[in-house]
N, C-alpha and C. Protein backbone atom coordinates (compact mmCIF):
# COMPACT_ATOMS: atom_id res chain seq x y z
N MET A 1 34.34 -16.48 -1.11
CA MET A 1 33.18 -16.72 -1.08
C MET A 1 32.47 -15.65 -1.14
N ASN A 2 31.75 -15.11 -2.04
CA ASN A 2 30.46 -14.01 -1.94
C ASN A 2 29.20 -14.34 -1.13
N GLN A 3 29.24 -13.75 -0.35
CA GLN A 3 28.02 -14.39 0.90
C GLN A 3 26.67 -13.37 0.61
N LYS A 4 25.48 -13.94 0.39
CA LYS A 4 24.49 -13.20 0.32
C LYS A 4 23.43 -13.40 1.67
N LEU A 5 22.64 -12.57 2.30
CA LEU A 5 21.75 -12.87 3.38
C LEU A 5 20.61 -12.21 2.48
N TYR A 6 19.44 -12.62 2.75
CA TYR A 6 18.15 -12.52 2.66
C TYR A 6 17.41 -12.63 3.70
N MET A 7 16.81 -11.13 3.88
CA MET A 7 15.53 -11.08 5.13
C MET A 7 14.14 -11.21 4.30
N VAL A 8 13.51 -12.50 4.80
CA VAL A 8 12.46 -12.63 3.79
C VAL A 8 11.09 -12.35 4.38
N SER A 9 10.34 -11.68 4.34
CA SER A 9 9.02 -11.27 4.81
C SER A 9 7.90 -12.43 4.21
N LEU A 10 7.40 -13.53 5.19
CA LEU A 10 6.46 -14.25 4.65
C LEU A 10 5.23 -14.07 3.99
N GLY A 11 4.78 -12.87 5.04
CA GLY A 11 3.32 -12.29 4.88
C GLY A 11 2.10 -12.87 5.89
N PRO A 12 1.05 -12.85 5.93
CA PRO A 12 0.23 -12.84 7.12
C PRO A 12 -0.06 -14.75 7.20
N GLY A 13 0.58 -15.32 6.31
CA GLY A 13 0.08 -16.60 6.88
C GLY A 13 -0.28 -17.88 5.73
N ASP A 14 -0.67 -17.03 4.42
CA ASP A 14 -1.26 -17.80 3.35
C ASP A 14 0.11 -17.88 2.29
N VAL A 15 0.55 -19.25 1.97
CA VAL A 15 1.52 -19.08 1.35
C VAL A 15 1.41 -18.27 -0.09
N GLU A 16 0.14 -18.36 -0.50
CA GLU A 16 -0.26 -17.62 -1.66
C GLU A 16 -0.17 -15.98 -1.81
N LEU A 17 0.18 -15.59 -0.57
CA LEU A 17 0.48 -13.85 -0.53
C LEU A 17 2.08 -13.93 -0.38
N LEU A 18 2.56 -15.16 -0.51
CA LEU A 18 4.45 -14.54 -0.82
C LEU A 18 4.57 -13.94 -1.91
N THR A 19 5.75 -13.22 -1.77
CA THR A 19 5.80 -12.24 -3.37
C THR A 19 6.67 -13.18 -4.02
N LEU A 20 6.86 -12.92 -5.31
CA LEU A 20 7.61 -13.57 -6.26
C LEU A 20 9.14 -13.19 -5.67
N LYS A 21 9.57 -12.07 -5.17
CA LYS A 21 10.83 -12.05 -4.55
C LYS A 21 11.24 -12.94 -3.31
N ALA A 22 10.23 -13.09 -2.64
CA ALA A 22 10.67 -14.40 -1.72
C ALA A 22 10.62 -15.33 -2.18
N LEU A 23 9.83 -15.95 -3.12
CA LEU A 23 10.02 -17.20 -3.76
C LEU A 23 11.17 -17.35 -4.71
N ASN A 24 11.70 -16.34 -5.23
CA ASN A 24 13.14 -16.60 -6.06
C ASN A 24 14.23 -16.71 -4.82
N ALA A 25 13.99 -15.89 -3.91
CA ALA A 25 15.21 -15.84 -2.95
C ALA A 25 15.19 -17.22 -2.10
N PHE A 26 14.24 -18.01 -2.12
CA PHE A 26 14.01 -19.42 -1.60
C PHE A 26 15.00 -20.27 -2.78
N LYS A 27 14.07 -20.22 -4.24
CA LYS A 27 15.06 -20.75 -5.27
C LYS A 27 16.37 -20.52 -5.02
N GLU A 28 17.06 -19.46 -4.66
CA GLU A 28 18.62 -19.19 -5.27
C GLU A 28 19.20 -19.32 -3.90
N CYS A 29 18.73 -19.77 -2.56
CA CYS A 29 19.37 -19.84 -1.62
C CYS A 29 20.11 -21.17 -1.24
N ASP A 30 20.85 -21.69 -0.63
CA ASP A 30 21.36 -22.72 -0.33
C ASP A 30 20.68 -23.24 1.28
N ALA A 31 20.58 -22.19 2.26
CA ALA A 31 19.57 -22.73 3.50
C ALA A 31 18.78 -21.60 3.95
N ILE A 32 17.84 -21.90 4.59
CA ILE A 32 16.75 -21.14 5.33
C ILE A 32 16.74 -21.31 6.93
N CYS A 33 16.96 -20.07 7.31
CA CYS A 33 17.01 -19.93 9.03
C CYS A 33 15.45 -19.65 8.85
N VAL A 34 15.06 -20.57 9.95
CA VAL A 34 13.68 -20.57 10.22
C VAL A 34 13.61 -20.36 12.04
N PRO A 35 12.82 -19.30 12.36
CA PRO A 35 12.71 -19.18 13.75
C PRO A 35 11.76 -20.11 14.28
N THR A 36 12.03 -20.37 15.42
CA THR A 36 11.33 -21.68 16.23
C THR A 36 11.17 -20.73 17.77
N LYS A 37 9.90 -21.09 18.67
CA LYS A 37 9.88 -21.15 19.71
C LYS A 37 10.16 -22.15 20.62
N SER A 38 10.60 -23.22 20.14
CA SER A 38 10.69 -24.29 20.82
C SER A 38 12.49 -24.41 21.14
N GLU A 39 12.70 -24.69 22.34
CA GLU A 39 14.17 -24.52 22.69
C GLU A 39 15.17 -25.70 22.47
N ASP A 40 14.31 -26.75 21.94
CA ASP A 40 14.99 -27.99 21.35
C ASP A 40 15.18 -28.03 19.63
N GLY A 41 14.90 -26.69 19.39
CA GLY A 41 15.32 -26.64 17.84
C GLY A 41 14.14 -27.52 17.05
N THR A 42 13.09 -27.91 17.65
CA THR A 42 12.07 -28.52 16.75
C THR A 42 11.31 -27.15 16.18
N PHE A 43 10.43 -27.62 15.10
CA PHE A 43 9.60 -26.76 14.78
C PHE A 43 7.88 -26.81 14.93
N THR A 44 7.70 -27.63 16.25
CA THR A 44 6.45 -27.66 16.43
C THR A 44 5.67 -26.61 16.90
N LYS A 45 6.36 -25.42 17.17
CA LYS A 45 5.48 -24.16 17.98
C LYS A 45 6.09 -23.34 16.38
N SER A 46 6.33 -23.59 15.13
CA SER A 46 6.80 -22.67 14.00
C SER A 46 5.69 -22.39 13.31
N ILE A 47 5.13 -21.40 13.16
CA ILE A 47 4.28 -20.95 11.93
C ILE A 47 4.97 -20.89 10.76
N THR A 48 6.11 -19.93 11.10
CA THR A 48 7.03 -19.73 9.98
C THR A 48 7.55 -21.00 9.08
N HIS A 49 7.64 -22.08 9.68
CA HIS A 49 8.15 -23.44 9.08
C HIS A 49 7.16 -24.02 8.64
N THR A 50 5.76 -23.80 8.92
CA THR A 50 4.77 -24.29 7.99
C THR A 50 4.71 -23.72 6.69
N ILE A 51 4.89 -22.42 6.91
CA ILE A 51 4.79 -21.59 5.37
C ILE A 51 5.88 -22.02 4.47
N VAL A 52 7.06 -22.06 5.02
CA VAL A 52 8.25 -22.28 4.33
C VAL A 52 8.34 -23.66 3.55
N ILE A 53 7.77 -24.60 4.32
CA ILE A 53 7.57 -25.95 3.96
C ILE A 53 6.57 -26.05 2.78
N GLU A 54 5.28 -25.09 2.77
CA GLU A 54 4.23 -25.10 1.79
C GLU A 54 5.01 -24.52 0.54
N ALA A 55 6.06 -23.21 0.89
CA ALA A 55 6.21 -22.46 -0.14
C ALA A 55 7.39 -23.20 -0.96
N LEU A 56 8.18 -24.40 -0.21
CA LEU A 56 9.35 -25.45 -0.88
C LEU A 56 8.26 -26.08 -1.78
N ALA A 57 7.53 -26.71 -1.35
CA ALA A 57 6.48 -27.67 -2.30
C ALA A 57 5.95 -27.03 -3.45
N LEU A 58 5.47 -26.07 -3.40
CA LEU A 58 5.15 -25.03 -4.34
C LEU A 58 6.03 -24.97 -5.47
N LEU A 59 7.54 -24.74 -4.81
CA LEU A 59 8.33 -24.72 -5.77
C LEU A 59 9.32 -26.03 -6.22
N GLY A 60 8.83 -26.75 -5.36
CA GLY A 60 9.18 -28.24 -5.80
C GLY A 60 10.99 -28.07 -5.86
N VAL A 61 11.35 -27.42 -4.73
CA VAL A 61 12.74 -27.58 -4.46
C VAL A 61 12.98 -27.98 -2.97
N ASP A 62 14.27 -28.52 -2.50
CA ASP A 62 14.30 -28.96 -1.19
C ASP A 62 15.46 -27.96 -0.61
N LYS A 63 15.58 -27.26 0.66
CA LYS A 63 16.55 -26.57 1.34
C LYS A 63 17.01 -26.91 2.49
N LYS A 64 18.27 -26.84 3.13
CA LYS A 64 18.44 -27.06 4.20
C LYS A 64 17.56 -25.72 5.14
N LEU A 65 17.00 -26.65 6.22
CA LEU A 65 16.39 -25.82 7.08
C LEU A 65 17.17 -25.47 8.73
N ILE A 66 17.40 -24.57 8.96
CA ILE A 66 18.18 -24.01 9.99
C ILE A 66 17.34 -23.28 11.29
N PRO A 67 17.08 -24.30 12.33
CA PRO A 67 16.41 -23.96 13.52
C PRO A 67 16.85 -22.50 14.11
N VAL A 68 16.33 -21.32 14.41
CA VAL A 68 16.59 -20.38 14.87
C VAL A 68 15.72 -20.18 16.47
N TYR A 69 16.42 -20.39 17.30
CA TYR A 69 15.47 -20.42 18.74
C TYR A 69 15.31 -18.98 18.78
N SER A 70 13.80 -18.54 18.98
CA SER A 70 13.15 -17.12 19.18
C SER A 70 12.12 -17.34 20.06
N PRO A 71 12.59 -16.99 21.15
CA PRO A 71 11.55 -16.92 22.30
C PRO A 71 10.83 -15.83 22.47
N MET A 72 10.98 -14.66 21.78
CA MET A 72 10.01 -13.45 21.32
C MET A 72 9.97 -12.96 22.96
N ARG A 73 11.18 -12.48 23.64
CA ARG A 73 11.27 -12.09 24.91
C ARG A 73 11.57 -10.72 24.86
N PHE A 74 11.67 -10.04 23.59
CA PHE A 74 12.24 -8.45 23.42
C PHE A 74 13.56 -8.29 24.39
N ASN A 75 14.27 -9.44 24.22
CA ASN A 75 15.89 -9.43 24.79
C ASN A 75 16.98 -9.37 23.81
N PRO A 76 17.74 -8.74 24.19
CA PRO A 76 18.77 -8.21 23.00
C PRO A 76 19.78 -9.58 23.07
N LYS A 77 20.07 -10.12 24.32
CA LYS A 77 20.89 -11.46 24.24
C LYS A 77 20.27 -12.61 23.15
N ASP A 78 18.91 -12.38 23.12
CA ASP A 78 18.46 -13.51 21.97
C ASP A 78 18.50 -13.16 20.71
N TRP A 79 18.47 -12.09 20.43
CA TRP A 79 18.61 -11.37 19.28
C TRP A 79 20.34 -11.62 18.69
N GLU A 80 21.16 -11.31 19.72
CA GLU A 80 22.67 -11.93 19.75
C GLU A 80 22.86 -13.31 19.10
N ASP A 81 21.92 -14.10 19.78
CA ASP A 81 22.41 -15.34 19.59
C ASP A 81 21.74 -15.88 18.26
N GLU A 82 20.65 -15.15 18.18
CA GLU A 82 19.96 -15.31 16.77
C GLU A 82 20.88 -14.96 15.28
N VAL A 83 21.64 -14.08 15.55
CA VAL A 83 22.59 -13.50 14.72
C VAL A 83 23.84 -14.59 14.76
N ASP A 84 24.21 -15.05 15.93
CA ASP A 84 25.21 -15.83 15.56
C ASP A 84 25.03 -17.26 14.74
N VAL A 85 23.85 -17.73 14.90
CA VAL A 85 23.12 -18.72 14.08
C VAL A 85 23.05 -18.63 12.50
N VAL A 86 22.60 -17.19 12.32
CA VAL A 86 22.86 -16.75 11.03
C VAL A 86 24.11 -16.38 10.24
N LEU A 87 24.83 -16.12 11.07
CA LEU A 87 26.23 -15.70 10.55
C LEU A 87 27.06 -17.30 10.34
N ASP A 88 26.67 -18.22 11.44
CA ASP A 88 27.37 -19.54 11.33
C ASP A 88 26.82 -20.19 10.10
N THR A 89 25.49 -20.00 9.90
CA THR A 89 25.11 -20.72 8.77
C THR A 89 25.73 -20.24 7.26
N LEU A 90 25.99 -18.83 7.03
CA LEU A 90 26.82 -18.25 6.25
C LEU A 90 28.09 -18.89 6.14
N LYS A 91 28.60 -19.00 6.95
CA LYS A 91 30.00 -19.47 6.90
C LYS A 91 30.08 -20.95 6.30
N GLU A 92 29.00 -21.45 6.00
CA GLU A 92 28.77 -22.85 5.49
C GLU A 92 27.92 -22.75 4.05
N ASN A 93 27.54 -21.69 3.97
CA ASN A 93 26.80 -21.70 2.74
C ASN A 93 26.70 -20.17 2.09
N LYS A 94 26.77 -20.14 0.59
CA LYS A 94 26.92 -19.00 0.13
C LYS A 94 25.80 -17.78 0.29
N LYS A 95 24.50 -18.27 0.07
CA LYS A 95 23.22 -17.73 0.05
C LYS A 95 22.24 -18.08 1.21
N VAL A 96 21.63 -17.04 1.80
CA VAL A 96 21.04 -17.77 3.25
C VAL A 96 19.94 -16.91 3.15
N CYS A 97 18.54 -17.38 3.53
CA CYS A 97 17.46 -16.56 3.94
C CYS A 97 17.14 -16.80 5.52
N PHE A 98 16.77 -15.50 6.11
CA PHE A 98 16.22 -15.54 6.93
C PHE A 98 14.51 -15.24 6.89
N VAL A 99 13.73 -15.89 7.63
CA VAL A 99 12.41 -15.54 7.40
C VAL A 99 11.45 -14.67 8.68
N THR A 100 10.44 -13.89 8.52
CA THR A 100 9.61 -13.34 9.43
C THR A 100 8.41 -13.30 8.87
N LEU A 101 7.34 -13.28 9.82
CA LEU A 101 6.08 -13.19 9.22
C LEU A 101 5.90 -11.81 9.12
N GLY A 102 4.56 -11.73 8.40
CA GLY A 102 3.86 -10.59 8.15
C GLY A 102 5.30 -9.72 6.95
N ASP A 103 5.38 -8.64 7.37
CA ASP A 103 6.40 -7.58 6.77
C ASP A 103 7.53 -7.17 7.27
N ALA A 104 8.74 -7.21 6.87
CA ALA A 104 9.72 -6.63 7.96
C ALA A 104 9.86 -5.45 8.52
N GLY A 105 9.46 -4.79 8.01
CA GLY A 105 9.36 -3.48 8.37
C GLY A 105 7.95 -2.93 9.68
N ILE A 106 7.18 -4.05 9.84
CA ILE A 106 6.32 -3.99 10.81
C ILE A 106 6.39 -4.78 12.16
N TYR A 107 6.99 -4.00 13.38
CA TYR A 107 6.98 -4.85 14.29
C TYR A 107 7.98 -6.37 14.37
N SER A 108 8.64 -6.18 13.37
CA SER A 108 9.74 -7.54 13.18
C SER A 108 11.10 -7.32 14.02
N SER A 109 11.54 -8.38 14.32
CA SER A 109 12.83 -8.49 15.00
C SER A 109 13.67 -8.15 14.22
N ILE A 110 13.80 -8.30 12.70
CA ILE A 110 14.57 -8.19 11.69
C ILE A 110 15.75 -7.11 11.69
N TYR A 111 15.14 -5.90 12.13
CA TYR A 111 16.08 -4.85 12.08
C TYR A 111 16.64 -4.55 13.29
N TYR A 112 16.56 -5.52 14.25
CA TYR A 112 17.40 -5.72 15.47
C TYR A 112 18.63 -6.53 15.33
N LEU A 113 18.26 -7.73 14.54
CA LEU A 113 19.32 -8.23 14.02
C LEU A 113 20.18 -8.02 13.15
N LEU A 114 19.60 -6.52 12.23
CA LEU A 114 20.64 -6.31 11.41
C LEU A 114 21.56 -5.33 11.83
N GLU A 115 21.10 -4.75 13.07
CA GLU A 115 21.77 -3.63 13.74
C GLU A 115 23.16 -4.50 14.29
N ILE A 116 22.98 -5.78 14.60
CA ILE A 116 23.91 -6.26 15.01
C ILE A 116 24.74 -7.04 14.24
N ILE A 117 24.36 -7.47 13.10
CA ILE A 117 24.85 -7.90 12.00
C ILE A 117 25.60 -6.87 11.30
N LYS A 118 25.49 -5.44 11.45
CA LYS A 118 25.95 -4.33 10.86
C LYS A 118 27.46 -4.18 11.83
N GLU A 119 27.11 -4.44 12.82
CA GLU A 119 28.41 -4.56 13.97
C GLU A 119 29.48 -5.35 13.72
N LYS A 120 28.79 -6.80 13.66
CA LYS A 120 29.58 -8.02 13.63
C LYS A 120 30.27 -8.40 12.24
N LYS A 121 29.69 -7.82 11.26
CA LYS A 121 29.77 -8.06 9.87
C LYS A 121 29.54 -7.34 8.82
N SER A 122 30.16 -5.78 8.80
CA SER A 122 29.38 -4.98 8.04
C SER A 122 29.52 -5.48 6.30
N THR A 123 30.00 -6.25 5.85
CA THR A 123 29.95 -6.77 4.65
C THR A 123 28.83 -7.26 4.42
N ILE A 124 28.30 -8.50 5.22
CA ILE A 124 26.96 -9.06 4.92
C ILE A 124 26.00 -7.90 5.22
N TYR A 125 26.20 -6.99 6.33
CA TYR A 125 24.94 -6.30 6.40
C TYR A 125 24.81 -5.24 5.32
N GLU A 126 26.05 -4.90 4.19
CA GLU A 126 25.80 -4.14 3.01
C GLU A 126 25.24 -4.74 1.89
N SER A 127 25.57 -6.32 1.91
CA SER A 127 24.96 -6.61 0.59
C SER A 127 23.42 -7.07 0.90
N CYS A 128 23.30 -7.19 2.29
CA CYS A 128 21.71 -8.04 2.39
C CYS A 128 20.76 -7.26 1.86
N GLU A 129 19.76 -8.19 1.52
CA GLU A 129 18.52 -7.82 0.75
C GLU A 129 17.37 -7.82 1.83
N VAL A 130 16.58 -7.08 2.03
CA VAL A 130 15.27 -7.11 2.68
C VAL A 130 13.99 -7.33 2.04
N ILE A 131 13.36 -8.32 1.90
CA ILE A 131 12.25 -8.27 0.92
C ILE A 131 11.22 -8.21 1.65
N ALA A 132 10.09 -7.09 1.00
CA ALA A 132 8.90 -6.75 1.77
C ALA A 132 7.95 -7.82 1.48
N GLY A 133 6.88 -8.16 2.36
CA GLY A 133 5.86 -8.79 2.32
C GLY A 133 4.23 -8.17 2.45
N VAL A 134 3.40 -8.66 2.32
CA VAL A 134 2.15 -8.22 2.86
C VAL A 134 1.49 -8.21 4.26
N THR A 135 1.18 -7.06 4.69
CA THR A 135 1.24 -7.09 6.27
C THR A 135 -0.31 -7.88 6.54
N SER A 136 -0.30 -8.20 7.81
CA SER A 136 -1.61 -8.63 8.50
C SER A 136 -2.79 -8.00 8.19
N PHE A 137 -2.67 -6.31 8.55
CA PHE A 137 -3.85 -5.34 8.46
C PHE A 137 -4.19 -5.38 6.83
N SER A 138 -3.16 -5.25 6.01
CA SER A 138 -3.49 -5.40 4.66
C SER A 138 -4.64 -6.52 3.93
N ALA A 139 -4.04 -7.57 4.62
CA ALA A 139 -4.85 -8.85 4.02
C ALA A 139 -6.26 -8.78 4.93
N ALA A 140 -6.34 -8.49 6.14
CA ALA A 140 -7.32 -8.42 6.98
C ALA A 140 -8.53 -7.40 6.09
N SER A 141 -7.66 -6.24 5.79
CA SER A 141 -8.87 -5.26 4.90
C SER A 141 -9.21 -6.07 3.57
N ALA A 142 -8.41 -6.92 2.81
CA ALA A 142 -8.62 -7.53 1.54
C ALA A 142 -10.07 -8.17 1.82
N VAL A 143 -9.85 -9.37 3.01
CA VAL A 143 -10.62 -10.42 3.50
C VAL A 143 -12.17 -9.60 3.65
N SER A 144 -11.91 -8.53 4.60
CA SER A 144 -13.37 -7.79 4.98
C SER A 144 -14.02 -6.98 3.88
N LYS A 145 -12.93 -6.54 2.68
CA LYS A 145 -13.48 -5.94 1.99
C LYS A 145 -13.78 -4.55 2.37
N LYS A 146 -13.03 -4.00 3.50
CA LYS A 146 -13.09 -2.40 3.65
C LYS A 146 -11.68 -1.86 3.71
N ALA A 147 -11.77 -1.01 3.22
CA ALA A 147 -10.56 -0.06 2.94
C ALA A 147 -10.11 0.56 4.24
N LEU A 148 -8.85 0.44 4.43
CA LEU A 148 -7.83 0.85 5.39
C LEU A 148 -8.24 2.56 5.49
N CYS A 149 -8.06 3.09 4.11
CA CYS A 149 -8.00 4.62 4.22
C CYS A 149 -8.60 5.32 2.81
N LEU A 150 -9.19 6.06 2.90
CA LEU A 150 -10.10 6.41 1.58
C LEU A 150 -9.83 7.96 1.33
N GLY A 151 -9.56 8.76 0.35
CA GLY A 151 -9.59 10.03 0.40
C GLY A 151 -8.55 10.74 1.10
N ASP A 152 -8.99 11.71 1.97
CA ASP A 152 -8.09 12.48 2.99
C ASP A 152 -8.26 11.97 4.02
N GLU A 153 -8.51 10.54 4.20
CA GLU A 153 -8.18 9.85 5.62
C GLU A 153 -6.81 9.43 5.93
N ALA A 154 -6.27 9.46 7.22
CA ALA A 154 -5.17 9.05 7.88
C ALA A 154 -5.57 7.50 8.38
N LEU A 155 -4.27 6.71 8.49
CA LEU A 155 -4.34 5.25 9.05
C LEU A 155 -3.37 5.55 9.86
N THR A 156 -3.81 4.89 11.16
CA THR A 156 -2.72 4.78 12.30
C THR A 156 -2.45 3.60 12.69
N ILE A 157 -1.14 3.01 13.05
CA ILE A 157 -0.57 1.80 13.74
C ILE A 157 -0.23 2.00 15.24
N LYS A 158 -0.80 1.60 16.14
CA LYS A 158 -0.27 1.59 17.36
C LYS A 158 0.15 0.29 18.14
N PRO A 159 0.96 0.20 19.08
CA PRO A 159 1.19 -0.98 19.66
C PRO A 159 -0.05 -1.01 20.73
N ILE A 160 -0.82 -2.34 20.95
CA ILE A 160 -1.76 -1.97 22.16
C ILE A 160 -1.03 -2.25 23.70
N ASN A 161 -0.18 -2.73 23.69
CA ASN A 161 0.79 -2.96 25.12
C ASN A 161 2.34 -2.20 25.19
N PRO A 162 2.17 -0.80 24.86
CA PRO A 162 3.75 -0.19 24.56
C PRO A 162 4.49 -0.65 25.72
N ARG A 163 5.91 -0.78 25.71
CA ARG A 163 6.80 -1.11 27.05
C ARG A 163 7.44 0.28 27.18
N GLY A 164 7.29 1.21 26.65
CA GLY A 164 7.83 2.64 27.39
C GLY A 164 7.49 3.48 26.40
N GLU A 165 7.85 4.74 26.23
CA GLU A 165 7.41 5.62 25.27
C GLU A 165 7.25 5.33 23.96
N VAL A 166 5.76 5.91 23.44
CA VAL A 166 5.72 5.21 21.80
C VAL A 166 6.50 6.55 20.94
N LYS A 167 7.14 5.96 20.28
CA LYS A 167 7.54 6.88 19.15
C LYS A 167 6.63 6.75 17.70
N THR A 168 6.86 7.65 17.02
CA THR A 168 6.18 7.62 15.70
C THR A 168 7.03 7.58 14.39
N THR A 169 6.59 6.87 13.68
CA THR A 169 7.02 6.99 12.09
C THR A 169 5.92 7.47 11.29
N GLU A 170 6.05 8.73 10.54
CA GLU A 170 4.98 9.20 9.77
C GLU A 170 5.35 8.72 8.02
N ILE A 171 4.11 8.24 7.61
CA ILE A 171 4.41 8.13 5.95
C ILE A 171 3.18 9.14 5.54
N LEU A 172 4.14 9.72 4.60
CA LEU A 172 3.34 11.04 4.17
C LEU A 172 3.07 10.67 2.54
N MET A 173 1.85 10.49 2.35
CA MET A 173 1.50 10.00 0.59
C MET A 173 0.68 11.02 0.16
N ARG A 174 0.56 11.03 -1.24
CA ARG A 174 -0.30 11.66 -2.25
C ARG A 174 0.14 13.12 -2.09
N PRO A 175 1.17 13.74 -2.33
CA PRO A 175 1.59 14.90 -2.35
C PRO A 175 1.30 15.51 -3.86
N ARG A 176 1.08 16.88 -3.78
CA ARG A 176 0.84 17.44 -5.34
C ARG A 176 2.10 17.78 -5.79
N ILE A 177 2.11 17.79 -7.29
CA ILE A 177 3.34 18.04 -8.02
C ILE A 177 3.67 19.44 -7.77
N GLY A 178 4.92 19.86 -7.52
CA GLY A 178 5.20 21.18 -7.66
C GLY A 178 5.17 21.67 -5.93
N MET A 179 4.73 20.92 -5.15
CA MET A 179 4.38 21.17 -3.83
C MET A 179 5.91 21.59 -2.99
N ASP A 180 5.95 22.73 -2.13
CA ASP A 180 7.15 22.95 -1.32
C ASP A 180 6.79 21.88 -0.22
N THR A 181 7.81 21.20 0.07
CA THR A 181 7.75 20.49 1.29
C THR A 181 8.22 20.87 2.63
N LYS A 182 8.29 22.20 2.74
CA LYS A 182 8.64 22.64 4.11
C LYS A 182 7.41 22.57 5.01
N LEU A 183 6.42 22.61 4.65
CA LEU A 183 5.14 22.29 5.55
C LEU A 183 5.21 20.75 5.97
N LEU A 184 6.11 19.88 5.67
CA LEU A 184 6.19 18.61 6.35
C LEU A 184 6.73 18.69 7.64
N GLY A 185 7.74 19.76 8.02
CA GLY A 185 8.39 19.71 9.27
C GLY A 185 9.84 19.21 8.90
N GLU A 186 10.50 18.92 10.00
CA GLU A 186 11.75 18.23 10.12
C GLU A 186 11.71 16.70 10.40
N GLY A 187 12.75 16.08 10.55
CA GLY A 187 13.05 14.97 10.95
C GLY A 187 14.05 13.99 10.12
N ASP A 188 13.78 12.51 10.50
CA ASP A 188 14.63 11.93 9.75
C ASP A 188 14.31 11.32 8.70
N PHE A 189 13.87 12.27 7.45
CA PHE A 189 13.03 11.79 6.33
C PHE A 189 14.08 11.20 5.09
N TYR A 190 13.30 10.04 4.40
CA TYR A 190 13.64 9.57 3.17
C TYR A 190 12.43 9.88 2.24
N THR A 191 12.96 10.21 1.06
CA THR A 191 11.96 10.43 -0.10
C THR A 191 12.10 9.43 -1.09
N TYR A 192 10.96 8.90 -1.53
CA TYR A 192 10.99 7.87 -2.42
C TYR A 192 10.23 8.06 -3.60
N GLU A 193 11.20 7.93 -4.90
CA GLU A 193 10.22 8.64 -6.21
C GLU A 193 10.06 7.37 -7.18
N ASN A 194 9.00 7.26 -7.80
CA ASN A 194 8.34 6.08 -8.64
C ASN A 194 9.74 4.93 -8.25
N MET A 195 9.06 4.46 -6.75
CA MET A 195 9.89 3.08 -6.54
C MET A 195 9.83 2.03 -7.22
N TYR A 196 10.49 1.05 -7.58
CA TYR A 196 10.52 -0.11 -8.42
C TYR A 196 10.49 0.42 -9.82
N LEU A 197 10.24 1.27 -10.20
CA LEU A 197 10.27 1.86 -11.85
C LEU A 197 11.62 2.05 -12.20
N ARG A 198 11.55 2.13 -13.58
CA ARG A 198 12.96 2.34 -14.79
C ARG A 198 13.50 3.45 -13.61
N ASP A 199 12.95 4.76 -13.44
CA ASP A 199 13.62 6.08 -13.03
C ASP A 199 13.36 6.32 -11.51
N GLU A 200 13.47 4.81 -10.96
CA GLU A 200 13.46 5.12 -9.33
C GLU A 200 14.62 5.90 -8.75
N LYS A 201 14.11 6.82 -7.47
CA LYS A 201 15.06 7.64 -6.90
C LYS A 201 14.85 7.48 -5.52
N ILE A 202 15.71 7.29 -4.63
CA ILE A 202 15.51 7.32 -3.29
C ILE A 202 16.62 8.43 -2.72
N THR A 203 15.90 9.35 -1.88
CA THR A 203 17.04 10.43 -1.24
C THR A 203 16.94 10.07 0.38
N PRO A 204 18.18 10.14 1.07
CA PRO A 204 17.92 9.72 2.15
C PRO A 204 17.95 11.43 2.98
N SER A 205 16.80 11.97 2.56
CA SER A 205 16.38 13.21 2.94
C SER A 205 15.12 13.69 2.29
N LYS A 206 14.70 15.00 2.99
CA LYS A 206 13.45 15.57 2.51
C LYS A 206 14.05 16.17 0.83
N ILE A 207 13.66 16.14 -0.19
CA ILE A 207 13.61 16.92 -1.21
C ILE A 207 12.65 18.25 -1.19
N GLY A 208 13.16 19.35 -2.29
CA GLY A 208 12.48 20.61 -1.58
C GLY A 208 11.05 20.68 -2.11
N LYS A 209 11.02 20.24 -3.36
CA LYS A 209 9.78 20.16 -4.26
C LYS A 209 9.44 19.02 -4.91
N VAL A 210 8.26 18.82 -4.94
CA VAL A 210 7.80 17.57 -5.56
C VAL A 210 7.75 17.53 -6.85
N LYS A 211 8.21 16.47 -7.54
CA LYS A 211 8.40 16.38 -9.20
C LYS A 211 7.64 15.25 -9.57
N ARG A 212 7.37 14.14 -8.76
CA ARG A 212 6.93 13.16 -9.52
C ARG A 212 5.51 12.97 -8.69
N TYR A 213 4.38 12.37 -9.60
CA TYR A 213 2.99 11.87 -8.61
C TYR A 213 3.46 10.92 -7.77
N MET A 214 4.41 9.70 -8.13
CA MET A 214 4.66 8.91 -7.15
C MET A 214 5.51 9.19 -6.33
N THR A 215 5.20 9.90 -5.47
CA THR A 215 6.42 10.42 -4.55
C THR A 215 6.05 9.73 -3.26
N LEU A 216 6.83 9.23 -2.52
CA LEU A 216 6.37 8.94 -0.72
C LEU A 216 7.44 9.38 0.27
N PHE A 217 7.20 10.11 1.12
CA PHE A 217 7.85 10.57 2.08
C PHE A 217 7.71 9.67 3.41
N ILE A 218 9.08 9.14 4.05
CA ILE A 218 8.82 8.40 5.41
C ILE A 218 9.37 9.48 6.19
N ASN A 219 8.93 9.95 7.25
CA ASN A 219 10.02 10.47 8.36
C ASN A 219 9.85 9.55 9.72
N TYR A 220 10.87 8.72 9.58
CA TYR A 220 11.27 7.92 10.63
C TYR A 220 11.44 8.12 11.83
N ALA A 221 10.90 7.26 12.82
CA ALA A 221 11.32 7.38 14.44
C ALA A 221 12.49 7.65 14.31
N ILE A 222 13.10 8.59 15.52
CA ILE A 222 14.11 8.97 15.96
C ILE A 222 14.65 7.94 17.24
N ARG A 223 15.27 6.80 16.87
CA ARG A 223 15.48 5.67 17.70
C ARG A 223 17.12 5.97 18.35
N ASN A 224 17.17 5.32 19.45
CA ASN A 224 18.38 5.45 20.06
C ASN A 224 19.36 4.35 19.90
């Protein structure tokens, strides 16, 4: 059985801010793993459950919902337990979604889970698809009609109560065509050119010269 895992971002809370990719994953999947803070497996404390139910009603489909106890204690043992539920669900179902609030790339536990999945079941990790979502701060900007950054302004995202040393990922945008990228320095760079377009190119390093207007560099934080 060819198994497929979707890590689905739900956005900031409004079902209408779910992406088409997220809705298509819900239509295709056999079961949806839904985090809950309730130890008994109920969804009384789960915002994610409310959004999923609204999305399924919008689509007019019914799916198996699997509770995943997620106490949000930043505890590796909890992530191991969550992965066990996801992998057990995949034993019984060909296509499975795991959902998270906001966007998976911003302070989500999804990448902790994926690291564990990579070790336990590399084939699932390799075929897994992470589906991006609208962030809370993008939605807040839209609601307030205030831009997050204009012109040459920078945007900073910081944890208010860090647990230790704060590492930084840099998103570098708006390069000039022909620009030499030496000035960007060194690090764990990825280059994204014409993302989602026909001639998309993603390079797991920093390219030497900028060739396309729609080029994005991300210098990822070095993590243990």
